[in-house]
């Protein structure tokens, strides 16, 4: 049908707007897709004895993927800075909107 109209579908960009795909993207926003490691340690005793901290992938502020120690993801993604900025902005708004009511007694 598109060929009859003279449209080459291979040259057009494809955007997947299916509801399932949009729900998946909303659910997994900010997560880096990682393949399963078949060589990973499976013995729970050895995992418990290990002193190494597992590393997890995170998207950095500039969009690159970095492997960081588990628990320190917020330092690299900029979430901690953004949350601090939001809290500071909320405190500023509270101070600006604070109204005092006084009754004049004469």
PDB file of N, CA and C in Angstrom:
ATOM      1  N   UNK A   1       0.829  -1.184   0.000  1.00  0.00           N
ATOM      2  CA  UNK A   1       0.000   0.000   0.000  1.00  0.00           C
ATOM      3  C   UNK A   1       0.880   1.257   0.000  1.00  0.00           C
ATOM      4  N   UNK A   2       1.916   1.270   0.844  1.00  0.00           N
ATOM      5  CA  UNK A   2       2.805   2.434   0.890  1.00  0.00           C
ATOM      6  C   UNK A   2       3.609   2.546  -0.398  1.00  0.00           C
ATOM      7  N   UNK A   3       3.988   1.418  -0.964  1.00  0.00           N
ATOM      8  CA  UNK A   3       4.760   1.421  -2.199  1.00  0.00           C
ATOM      9  C   UNK A   3       3.930   1.992  -3.346  1.00  0.00           C
ATOM     10  N   UNK A   4       2.638   1.676  -3.357  1.00  0.00           N
ATOM     11  CA  UNK A   4       1.746   2.224  -4.377  1.00  0.00           C
ATOM     12  C   UNK A   4       1.632   3.734  -4.257  1.00  0.00           C
ATOM     13  N   UNK A   5       1.729   4.244  -3.026  1.00  0.00           N
ATOM     14  CA  UNK A   5       1.636   5.684  -2.806  1.00  0.00           C
ATOM     15  C   UNK A   5       2.980   6.374  -3.027  1.00  0.00           C
ATOM     16  N   UNK A   6       4.049   5.565  -3.232  1.00  0.00           N
ATOM     17  CA  UNK A   6       5.368   6.150  -3.477  1.00  0.00           C
ATOM     18  C   UNK A   6       6.126   6.484  -2.210  1.00  0.00           C
ATOM     19  N   UNK A   7       5.796   5.826  -1.091  1.00  0.00           N
ATOM     20  CA  UNK A   7       6.451   6.086   0.189  1.00  0.00           C
ATOM     21  C   UNK A   7       7.378   4.928   0.511  1.00  0.00           C
ATOM     22  N   UNK A   8       8.643   5.232   0.798  1.00  0.00           N
ATOM     23  CA  UNK A   8       9.594   4.207   1.192  1.00  0.00           C
ATOM     24  C   UNK A   8       9.630   4.165   2.714  1.00  0.00           C
ATOM     25  N   UNK A   9       9.016   3.127   3.302  1.00  0.00           N
ATOM     26  CA  UNK A   9       8.911   3.032   4.762  1.00  0.00           C
ATOM     27  C   UNK A   9      10.263   2.825   5.431  1.00  0.00           C
ATOM     28  N   UNK A  10      11.259   2.316   4.725  1.00  0.00           N
ATOM     29  CA  UNK A  10      12.584   2.096   5.306  1.00  0.00           C
ATOM     30  C   UNK A  10      13.303   3.411   5.575  1.00  0.00           C
ATOM     31  N   UNK A  11      12.909   4.453   4.896  1.00  0.00           N
ATOM     32  CA  UNK A  11      13.563   5.749   5.089  1.00  0.00           C
ATOM     33  C   UNK A  11      12.869   6.609   6.153  1.00  0.00           C
ATOM     34  N   UNK A  12      11.723   6.164   6.648  1.00  0.00           N
ATOM     35  CA  UNK A  12      10.997   6.902   7.674  1.00  0.00           C
ATOM     36  C   UNK A  12      11.426   6.438   9.064  1.00  0.00           C
ATOM     37  N   UNK A  13      11.481   7.351  10.039  1.00  0.00           N
ATOM     38  CA  UNK A  13      11.825   6.925  11.402  1.00  0.00           C
ATOM     39  C   UNK A  13      10.668   6.147  12.023  1.00  0.00           C
ATOM     40  N   UNK A  14      11.032   5.162  12.846  1.00  0.00           N
ATOM     41  CA  UNK A  14      10.015   4.346  13.502  1.00  0.00           C
ATOM     42  C   UNK A  14       9.952   4.723  14.976  1.00  0.00           C
ATOM     43  N   UNK A  15       8.779   5.056  15.445  1.00  0.00           N
ATOM     44  CA  UNK A  15       8.584   5.312  16.872  1.00  0.00           C
ATOM     45  C   UNK A  15       7.538   4.325  17.368  1.00  0.00           C
ATOM     46  N   UNK A  16       7.924   3.543  18.354  1.00  0.00           N
ATOM     47  CA  UNK A  16       7.041   2.520  18.896  1.00  0.00           C
ATOM     48  C   UNK A  16       6.130   3.163  19.930  1.00  0.00           C
ATOM     49  N   UNK A  17       4.882   3.392  19.582  1.00  0.00           N
ATOM     50  CA  UNK A  17       3.940   4.071  20.468  1.00  0.00           C
ATOM     51  C   UNK A  17       2.864   3.123  20.987  1.00  0.00           C
ATOM     52  N   UNK A  18       3.179   1.821  20.979  1.00  0.00           N
ATOM     53  CA  UNK A  18       2.202   0.860  21.518  1.00  0.00           C
ATOM     54  C   UNK A  18       2.028   1.103  23.013  1.00  0.00           C
ATOM     55  N   UNK A  19       0.849   0.913  23.573  1.00  0.00           N
ATOM     56  CA  UNK A  19       0.634   1.133  25.005  1.00  0.00           C
ATOM     57  C   UNK A  19       1.524   0.240  25.871  1.00  0.00           C
ATOM     58  N   UNK A  20       1.774  -1.001  25.407  1.00  0.00           N
ATOM     59  CA  UNK A  20       2.631  -1.903  26.176  1.00  0.00           C
ATOM     60  C   UNK A  20       4.056  -1.366  26.263  1.00  0.00           C
ATOM     61  N   UNK A  21       4.563  -0.859  25.141  1.00  0.00           N
ATOM     62  CA  UNK A  21       5.925  -0.329  25.107  1.00  0.00           C
ATOM     63  C   UNK A  21       6.036   0.929  25.967  1.00  0.00           C
ATOM     64  N   UNK A  22       5.051   1.798  25.909  1.00  0.00           N
ATOM     65  CA  UNK A  22       5.071   3.016  26.712  1.00  0.00           C
ATOM     66  C   UNK A  22       5.000   2.692  28.199  1.00  0.00           C
ATOM     67  N   UNK A  23       4.205   1.672  28.558  1.00  0.00           N
ATOM     68  CA  UNK A  23       4.125   1.251  29.963  1.00  0.00           C
ATOM     69  C   UNK A  23       5.460   0.679  30.423  1.00  0.00           C
ATOM     70  N   UNK A  24       6.120  -0.113  29.566  1.00  0.00           N
ATOM     71  CA  UNK A  24       7.425  -0.684  29.904  1.00  0.00           C
ATOM     72  C   UNK A  24       8.458   0.420  30.101  1.00  0.00           C
ATOM     73  N   UNK A  25       8.471   1.407  29.221  1.00  0.00           N
ATOM     74  CA  UNK A  25       9.429   2.504  29.340  1.00  0.00           C
ATOM     75  C   UNK A  25       9.191   3.320  30.606  1.00  0.00           C
ATOM     76  N   UNK A  26       7.921   3.532  30.963  1.00  0.00           N
ATOM     77  CA  UNK A  26       7.616   4.278  32.181  1.00  0.00           C
ATOM     78  C   UNK A  26       8.029   3.488  33.418  1.00  0.00           C
ATOM     79  N   UNK A  27       7.860   2.174  33.377  1.00  0.00           N
ATOM     80  CA  UNK A  27       8.199   1.328  34.520  1.00  0.00           C
ATOM     81  C   UNK A  27       9.709   1.191  34.706  1.00  0.00           C
ATOM     82  N   UNK A  28      10.460   1.162  33.621  1.00  0.00           N
ATOM     83  CA  UNK A  28      11.902   0.941  33.682  1.00  0.00           C
ATOM     84  C   UNK A  28      12.718   2.183  33.357  1.00  0.00           C
ATOM     85  N   UNK A  29      12.180   3.344  33.629  1.00  0.00           N
ATOM     86  CA  UNK A  29      12.880   4.593  33.326  1.00  0.00           C
ATOM     87  C   UNK A  29      14.143   4.703  34.180  1.00  0.00           C
ATOM     88  N   UNK A  30      15.267   4.941  33.531  1.00  0.00           N
ATOM     89  CA  UNK A  30      16.519   5.136  34.239  1.00  0.00           C
ATOM     90  C   UNK A  30      17.282   3.866  34.537  1.00  0.00           C
ATOM     91  N   UNK A  31      16.733   2.702  34.181  1.00  0.00           N
ATOM     92  CA  UNK A  31      17.434   1.442  34.420  1.00  0.00           C
ATOM     93  C   UNK A  31      18.244   1.074  33.182  1.00  0.00           C
ATOM     94  N   UNK A  32      19.456   0.607  33.397  1.00  0.00           N
ATOM     95  CA  UNK A  32      20.308   0.175  32.298  1.00  0.00           C
ATOM     96  C   UNK A  32      20.013  -1.294  32.005  1.00  0.00           C
ATOM     97  N   UNK A  33      19.714  -1.637  30.751  1.00  0.00           N
ATOM     98  CA  UNK A  33      19.489  -3.047  30.438  1.00  0.00           C
ATOM     99  C   UNK A  33      20.798  -3.826  30.532  1.00  0.00           C
ATOM    100  N   UNK A  34      20.785  -4.927  31.273  1.00  0.00           N
ATOM    101  CA  UNK A  34      21.983  -5.725  31.497  1.00  0.00           C
ATOM    102  C   UNK A  34      21.674  -7.183  31.172  1.00  0.00           C
ATOM    103  N   UNK A  35      22.587  -7.832  30.444  1.00  0.00           N
ATOM    104  CA  UNK A  35      22.440  -9.244  30.129  1.00  0.00           C
ATOM    105  C   UNK A  35      22.795 -10.080  31.354  1.00  0.00           C
ATOM    106  N   UNK A  36      22.281 -11.296  31.414  1.00  0.00           N
ATOM    107  CA  UNK A  36      22.571 -12.207  32.513  1.00  0.00           C
ATOM    108  C   UNK A  36      23.982 -12.755  32.324  1.00  0.00           C
ATOM    109  N   UNK A  37      24.764 -12.761  33.402  1.00  0.00           N
ATOM    110  CA  UNK A  37      26.128 -13.272  33.349  1.00  0.00           C
ATOM    111  C   UNK A  37      26.114 -14.771  33.650  1.00  0.00           C
ATOM    112  N   UNK A  38      26.421 -15.634  32.668  1.00  0.00           N
ATOM    113  CA  UNK A  38      26.402 -17.070  32.938  1.00  0.00           C
ATOM    114  C   UNK A  38      27.557 -17.520  33.836  1.00  0.00           C
ATOM    115  N   UNK A  39      28.588 -16.689  33.984  1.00  0.00           N
ATOM    116  CA  UNK A  39      29.745 -17.039  34.797  1.00  0.00           C
ATOM    117  C   UNK A  39      29.651 -16.478  36.214  1.00  0.00           C
ATOM    118  N   UNK A  40      28.551 -15.924  36.583  1.00  0.00           N
ATOM    119  CA  UNK A  40      28.395 -15.340  37.918  1.00  0.00           C
ATOM    120  C   UNK A  40      28.439 -16.427  38.992  1.00  0.00           C
ATOM    121  N   UNK A  41      28.909 -16.050  40.169  1.00  0.00           N
ATOM    122  CA  UNK A  41      28.995 -16.992  41.284  1.00  0.00           C
ATOM    123  C   UNK A  41      27.579 -17.352  41.733  1.00  0.00           C
ATOM    124  N   UNK A  42      27.320 -18.647  41.861  1.00  0.00           N
ATOM    125  CA  UNK A  42      25.985 -19.108  42.254  1.00  0.00           C
ATOM    126  C   UNK A  42      25.961 -19.692  43.658  1.00  0.00           C
ATOM    127  N   UNK A  43      27.127 -19.976  44.217  1.00  0.00           N
ATOM    128  CA  UNK A  43      27.233 -20.574  45.538  1.00  0.00           C
ATOM    129  C   UNK A  43      26.970 -19.500  46.597  1.00  0.00           C
ATOM    130  N   UNK A  44      25.879 -19.602  47.385  1.00  0.00           N
ATOM    131  CA  UNK A  44      25.555 -18.553  48.361  1.00  0.00           C
ATOM    132  C   UNK A  44      26.603 -18.405  49.464  1.00  0.00           C
ATOM    133  N   UNK A  45      27.313 -19.493  49.796  1.00  0.00           N
ATOM    134  CA  UNK A  45      28.350 -19.389  50.823  1.00  0.00           C
ATOM    135  C   UNK A  45      29.515 -18.533  50.341  1.00  0.00           C
ATOM    136  N   UNK A  46      29.908 -18.726  49.084  1.00  0.00           N
ATOM    137  CA  UNK A  46      31.009 -17.934  48.531  1.00  0.00           C
ATOM    138  C   UNK A  46      30.598 -16.478  48.358  1.00  0.00           C
ATOM    139  N   UNK A  47      29.348 -16.251  48.004  1.00  0.00           N
ATOM    140  CA  UNK A  47      28.861 -14.878  47.853  1.00  0.00           C
ATOM    141  C   UNK A  47      28.885 -14.178  49.212  1.00  0.00           C
ATOM    142  N   UNK A  48      28.470 -14.891  50.276  1.00  0.00           N
ATOM    143  CA  UNK A  48      28.456 -14.308  51.624  1.00  0.00           C
ATOM    144  C   UNK A  48      29.865 -14.029  52.115  1.00  0.00           C
ATOM    145  N   UNK A  49      30.842 -14.865  51.758  1.00  0.00           N
ATOM    146  CA  UNK A  49      32.222 -14.682  52.199  1.00  0.00           C
ATOM    147  C   UNK A  49      32.943 -13.575  51.431  1.00  0.00           C
ATOM    148  N   UNK A  50      32.453 -13.248  50.267  1.00  0.00           N
ATOM    149  CA  UNK A  50      33.130 -12.276  49.415  1.00  0.00           C
ATOM    150  C   UNK A  50      33.140 -10.898  50.058  1.00  0.00           C
ATOM    151  N   UNK A  51      34.269 -10.222  49.958  1.00  0.00           N
ATOM    152  CA  UNK A  51      34.390  -8.866  50.507  1.00  0.00           C
ATOM    153  C   UNK A  51      34.188  -7.807  49.429  1.00  0.00           C
ATOM    154  N   UNK A  52      34.003  -8.239  48.198  1.00  0.00           N
ATOM    155  CA  UNK A  52      33.824  -7.295  47.100  1.00  0.00           C
ATOM    156  C   UNK A  52      32.405  -6.732  47.115  1.00  0.00           C
ATOM    157  N   UNK A  53      32.298  -5.458  46.802  1.00  0.00           N
ATOM    158  CA  UNK A  53      30.991  -4.806  46.699  1.00  0.00           C
ATOM    159  C   UNK A  53      30.540  -4.924  45.249  1.00  0.00           C
ATOM    160  N   UNK A  54      29.335  -5.431  45.018  1.00  0.00           N
ATOM    161  CA  UNK A  54      28.895  -5.562  43.626  1.00  0.00           C
ATOM    162  C   UNK A  54      28.749  -4.201  42.955  1.00  0.00           C
ATOM    163  N   UNK A  55      29.025  -4.175  41.673  1.00  0.00           N
ATOM    164  CA  UNK A  55      28.899  -2.945  40.894  1.00  0.00           C
ATOM    165  C   UNK A  55      27.653  -3.032  40.029  1.00  0.00           C
ATOM    166  N   UNK A  56      26.998  -1.899  39.887  1.00  0.00           N
ATOM    167  CA  UNK A  56      25.766  -1.839  39.101  1.00  0.00           C
ATOM    168  C   UNK A  56      25.908  -0.734  38.048  1.00  0.00           C
ATOM    169  N   UNK A  57      25.261  -0.901  36.898  1.00  0.00           N
ATOM    170  CA  UNK A  57      25.335   0.142  35.875  1.00  0.00           C
ATOM    171  C   UNK A  57      24.311   1.240  36.132  1.00  0.00           C
ATOM    172  N   UNK A  58      24.704   2.489  35.901  1.00  0.00           N
ATOM    173  CA  UNK A  58      23.785   3.629  36.028  1.00  0.00           C
ATOM    174  C   UNK A  58      24.027   4.584  34.866  1.00  0.00           C
ATOM    175  N   UNK A  59      22.987   5.292  34.488  1.00  0.00           N
ATOM    176  CA  UNK A  59      23.135   6.356  33.506  1.00  0.00           C
ATOM    177  C   UNK A  59      23.622   7.602  34.240  1.00  0.00           C
ATOM    178  N   UNK A  60      24.713   8.190  33.771  1.00  0.00           N
ATOM    179  CA  UNK A  60      25.227   9.414  34.377  1.00  0.00           C
ATOM    180  C   UNK A  60      24.448  10.600  33.822  1.00  0.00           C
ATOM    181  N   UNK A  61      24.735  11.796  34.330  1.00  0.00           N
ATOM    182  CA  UNK A  61      24.022  12.998  33.919  1.00  0.00           C
ATOM    183  C   UNK A  61      24.219  13.258  32.426  1.00  0.00           C
ATOM    184  N   UNK A  62      25.416  12.952  31.906  1.00  0.00           N
ATOM    185  CA  UNK A  62      25.696  13.218  30.497  1.00  0.00           C
ATOM    186  C   UNK A  62      25.191  12.112  29.568  1.00  0.00           C
ATOM    187  N   UNK A  63      24.539  11.061  30.112  1.00  0.00           N
ATOM    188  CA  UNK A  63      23.953  10.015  29.302  1.00  0.00           C
ATOM    189  C   UNK A  63      24.811   8.777  29.146  1.00  0.00           C
ATOM    190  N   UNK A  64      26.038   8.815  29.625  1.00  0.00           N
ATOM    191  CA  UNK A  64      26.905   7.647  29.521  1.00  0.00           C
ATOM    192  C   UNK A  64      26.585   6.643  30.621  1.00  0.00           C
ATOM    193  N   UNK A  65      26.999   5.399  30.385  1.00  0.00           N
ATOM    194  CA  UNK A  65      26.791   4.343  31.373  1.00  0.00           C
ATOM    195  C   UNK A  65      28.066   4.186  32.189  1.00  0.00           C
ATOM    196  N   UNK A  66      27.928   4.143  33.511  1.00  0.00           N
ATOM    197  CA  UNK A  66      29.070   3.943  34.400  1.00  0.00           C
ATOM    198  C   UNK A  66      28.743   2.802  35.354  1.00  0.00           C
ATOM    199  N   UNK A  67      29.762   1.993  35.675  1.00  0.00           N
ATOM    200  CA  UNK A  67      29.603   0.904  36.634  1.00  0.00           C
ATOM    201  C   UNK A  67      30.098   1.400  37.976  1.00  0.00           C
ATOM    202  N   UNK A  68      29.192   1.522  38.952  1.00  0.00           N
ATOM    203  CA  UNK A  68      29.527   2.083  40.264  1.00  0.00           C
ATOM    204  C   UNK A  68      29.172   1.076  41.351  1.00  0.00           C
ATOM    205  N   UNK A  69      29.722   1.294  42.537  1.00  0.00           N
ATOM    206  CA  UNK A  69      29.424   0.410  43.659  1.00  0.00           C
ATOM    207  C   UNK A  69      27.965   0.576  44.066  1.00  0.00           C
ATOM    208  N   UNK A  70      27.369  -0.547  44.442  1.00  0.00           N
ATOM    209  CA  UNK A  70      25.962  -0.547  44.824  1.00  0.00           C
ATOM    210  C   UNK A  70      25.760   0.350  46.044  1.00  0.00           C
ATOM    211  N   UNK A  71      24.773   1.228  45.993  1.00  0.00           N
ATOM    212  CA  UNK A  71      24.487   2.143  47.088  1.00  0.00           C
ATOM    213  C   UNK A  71      24.972   3.558  46.829  1.00  0.00           C
ATOM    214  N   UNK A  72      25.850   3.741  45.839  1.00  0.00           N
ATOM    215  CA  UNK A  72      26.363   5.078  45.547  1.00  0.00           C
ATOM    216  C   UNK A  72      25.850   5.590  44.207  1.00  0.00           C
ATOM    217  N   UNK A  73      24.728   5.064  43.742  1.00  0.00           N
ATOM    218  CA  UNK A  73      24.208   5.444  42.431  1.00  0.00           C
ATOM    219  C   UNK A  73      23.803   6.906  42.373  1.00  0.00           C
ATOM    220  N   UNK A  74      23.256   7.426  43.468  1.00  0.00           N
ATOM    221  CA  UNK A  74      22.768   8.805  43.468  1.00  0.00           C
ATOM    222  C   UNK A  74      23.886   9.821  43.273  1.00  0.00           C
ATOM    223  N   UNK A  75      25.092   9.493  43.673  1.00  0.00           N
ATOM    224  CA  UNK A  75      26.211  10.419  43.513  1.00  0.00           C
ATOM    225  C   UNK A  75      26.553  10.638  42.047  1.00  0.00           C
ATOM    226  N   UNK A  76      26.358   9.639  41.227  1.00  0.00           N
ATOM    227  CA  UNK A  76      26.748   9.716  39.825  1.00  0.00           C
ATOM    228  C   UNK A  76      25.624  10.161  38.918  1.00  0.00           C
ATOM    229  N   UNK A  77      24.388   9.934  39.309  1.00  0.00           N
ATOM    230  CA  UNK A  77      23.260  10.281  38.443  1.00  0.00           C
ATOM    231  C   UNK A  77      22.798  11.719  38.638  1.00  0.00           C
ATOM    232  N   UNK A  78      23.227  12.375  39.707  1.00  0.00           N
ATOM    233  CA  UNK A  78      22.818  13.742  39.959  1.00  0.00           C
ATOM    234  C   UNK A  78      21.503  13.835  40.695  1.00  0.00           C
ATOM    235  N   UNK A  79      20.931  12.703  41.127  1.00  0.00           N
ATOM    236  CA  UNK A  79      19.651  12.727  41.825  1.00  0.00           C
ATOM    237  C   UNK A  79      19.769  13.429  43.170  1.00  0.00           C
ATOM    238  N   UNK A  80      20.887  13.230  43.869  1.00  0.00           N
ATOM    239  CA  UNK A  80      21.059  13.843  45.179  1.00  0.00           C
ATOM    240  C   UNK A  80      21.096  15.366  45.056  1.00  0.00           C
ATOM    241  N   UNK A  81      21.783  15.859  44.016  1.00  0.00           N
ATOM    242  CA  UNK A  81      21.844  17.307  43.807  1.00  0.00           C
ATOM    243  C   UNK A  81      20.474  17.870  43.444  1.00  0.00           C
ATOM    244  N   UNK A  82      19.743  17.145  42.589  1.00  0.00           N
ATOM    245  CA  UNK A  82      18.423  17.618  42.188  1.00  0.00           C
ATOM    246  C   UNK A  82      17.469  17.634  43.373  1.00  0.00           C
ATOM    247  N   UNK A  83      17.535  16.607  44.223  1.00  0.00           N
ATOM    248  CA  UNK A  83      16.669  16.566  45.401  1.00  0.00           C
ATOM    249  C   UNK A  83      17.008  17.703  46.357  1.00  0.00           C
ATOM    250  N   UNK A  84      18.290  18.005  46.522  1.00  0.00           N
ATOM    251  CA  UNK A  84      18.698  19.110  47.386  1.00  0.00           C
ATOM    252  C   UNK A  84      18.197  20.439  46.825  1.00  0.00           C
ATOM    253  N   UNK A  85      18.254  20.599  45.499  1.00  0.00           N
ATOM    254  CA  UNK A  85      17.748  21.820  44.869  1.00  0.00           C
ATOM    255  C   UNK A  85      16.243  21.958  45.070  1.00  0.00           C
ATOM    256  N   UNK A  86      15.525  20.855  44.969  1.00  0.00           N
ATOM    257  CA  UNK A  86      14.067  20.888  45.145  1.00  0.00           C
ATOM    258  C   UNK A  86      13.719  21.264  46.583  1.00  0.00           C
ATOM    259  N   UNK A  87      14.426  20.682  47.545  1.00  0.00           N
ATOM    260  CA  UNK A  87      14.168  20.992  48.955  1.00  0.00           C
ATOM    261  C   UNK A  87      14.471  22.458  49.232  1.00  0.00           C
ATOM    262  N   UNK A  88      15.572  22.978  48.681  1.00  0.00           N
ATOM    263  CA  UNK A  88      15.924  24.383  48.881  1.00  0.00           C
ATOM    264  C   UNK A  88      14.862  25.298  48.264  1.00  0.00           C
ATOM    265  N   UNK A  89      14.360  24.924  47.101  1.00  0.00           N
ATOM    266  CA  UNK A  89      13.328  25.729  46.453  1.00  0.00           C
ATOM    267  C   UNK A  89      12.032  25.711  47.257  1.00  0.00           C
ATOM    268  N   UNK A  90      11.693  24.558  47.827  1.00  0.00           N
ATOM    269  CA  UNK A  90      10.486  24.473  48.639  1.00  0.00           C
ATOM    270  C   UNK A  90      10.617  25.322  49.899  1.00  0.00           C
ATOM    271  N   UNK A  91      11.791  25.314  50.520  1.00  0.00           N
ATOM    272  CA  UNK A  91      12.010  26.138  51.713  1.00  0.00           C
ATOM    273  C   UNK A  91      11.907  27.618  51.363  1.00  0.00           C
ATOM    274  N   UNK A  92      12.429  27.998  50.212  1.00  0.00           N
ATOM    275  CA  UNK A  92      12.369  29.397  49.784  1.00  0.00           C
ATOM    276  C   UNK A  92      10.919  29.826  49.567  1.00  0.00           C
ATOM    277  N   UNK A  93      10.132  28.954  48.948  1.00  0.00           N
ATOM    278  CA  UNK A  93       8.726  29.267  48.700  1.00  0.00           C
ATOM    279  C   UNK A  93       7.976  29.384  50.026  1.00  0.00           C
ATOM    280  N   UNK A  94       8.280  28.511  50.992  1.00  0.00           N
ATOM    281  CA  UNK A  94       7.616  28.578  52.293  1.00  0.00           C
ATOM    282  C   UNK A  94       7.893  29.908  52.982  1.00  0.00           C
ATOM    283  N   UNK A  95       9.139  30.361  52.899  1.00  0.00           N
ATOM    284  CA  UNK A  95       9.495  31.621  53.531  1.00  0.00           C
ATOM    285  C   UNK A  95       8.805  32.793  52.844  1.00  0.00           C
ATOM    286  N   UNK A  96       8.706  32.735  51.511  1.00  0.00           N
ATOM    287  CA  UNK A  96       8.077  33.826  50.773  1.00  0.00           C
ATOM    288  C   UNK A  96       6.573  33.879  51.021  1.00  0.00           C
ATOM    289  N   UNK A  97       5.962  32.714  51.204  1.00  0.00           N
ATOM    290  CA  UNK A  97       4.518  32.663  51.352  1.00  0.00           C
ATOM    291  C   UNK A  97       4.050  32.746  52.800  1.00  0.00           C
ATOM    292  N   UNK A  98       4.981  32.872  53.719  1.00  0.00           N
ATOM    293  CA  UNK A  98       4.602  32.923  55.118  1.00  0.00           C
ATOM    294  C   UNK A  98       3.930  34.272  55.406  1.00  0.00           C
ATOM    295  N   UNK A  99       2.721  34.206  55.897  1.00  0.00           N
ATOM    296  CA  UNK A  99       1.929  35.407  56.177  1.00  0.00           C
ATOM    297  C   UNK A  99       1.621  35.425  57.662  1.00  0.00           C
ATOM    298  N   UNK A 100       1.808  36.557  58.261  1.00  0.00           N
ATOM    299  CA  UNK A 100       1.474  36.697  59.678  1.00  0.00           C
ATOM    300  C   UNK A 100       0.257  37.608  59.790  1.00  0.00           C
ATOM    301  N   UNK A 101      -0.638  37.202  60.649  1.00  0.00           N
ATOM    302  CA  UNK A 101      -1.852  37.958  60.866  1.00  0.00           C
ATOM    303  C   UNK A 101      -1.821  38.510  62.281  1.00  0.00           C
ATOM    304  N   UNK A 102      -1.994  39.813  62.388  1.00  0.00           N
ATOM    305  CA  UNK A 102      -2.021  40.436  63.700  1.00  0.00           C
ATOM    306  C   UNK A 102      -3.291  41.278  63.796  1.00  0.00           C
ATOM    307  N   UNK A 103      -3.901  41.209  64.958  1.00  0.00           N
ATOM    308  CA  UNK A 103      -5.076  42.017  65.172  1.00  0.00           C
ATOM    309  C   UNK A 103      -4.672  43.251  65.953  1.00  0.00           C
ATOM    310  N   UNK A 104      -5.183  44.347  65.533  1.00  0.00           N
ATOM    311  CA  UNK A 104      -4.903  45.592  66.248  1.00  0.00           C
ATOM    312  C   UNK A 104      -5.911  45.761  67.359  1.00  0.00           C
ATOM    313  N   UNK A 105      -5.427  45.817  68.576  1.00  0.00           N
ATOM    314  CA  UNK A 105      -6.311  46.041  69.713  1.00  0.00           C
ATOM    315  C   UNK A 105      -6.142  47.495  70.162  1.00  0.00           C
ATOM    316  N   UNK A 106      -7.195  48.200  70.061  1.00  0.00           N
ATOM    317  CA  UNK A 106      -7.127  49.600  70.459  1.00  0.00           C
ATOM    318  C   UNK A 106      -8.014  49.909  71.606  1.00  0.00           C
TER     319      UNK A 106
END
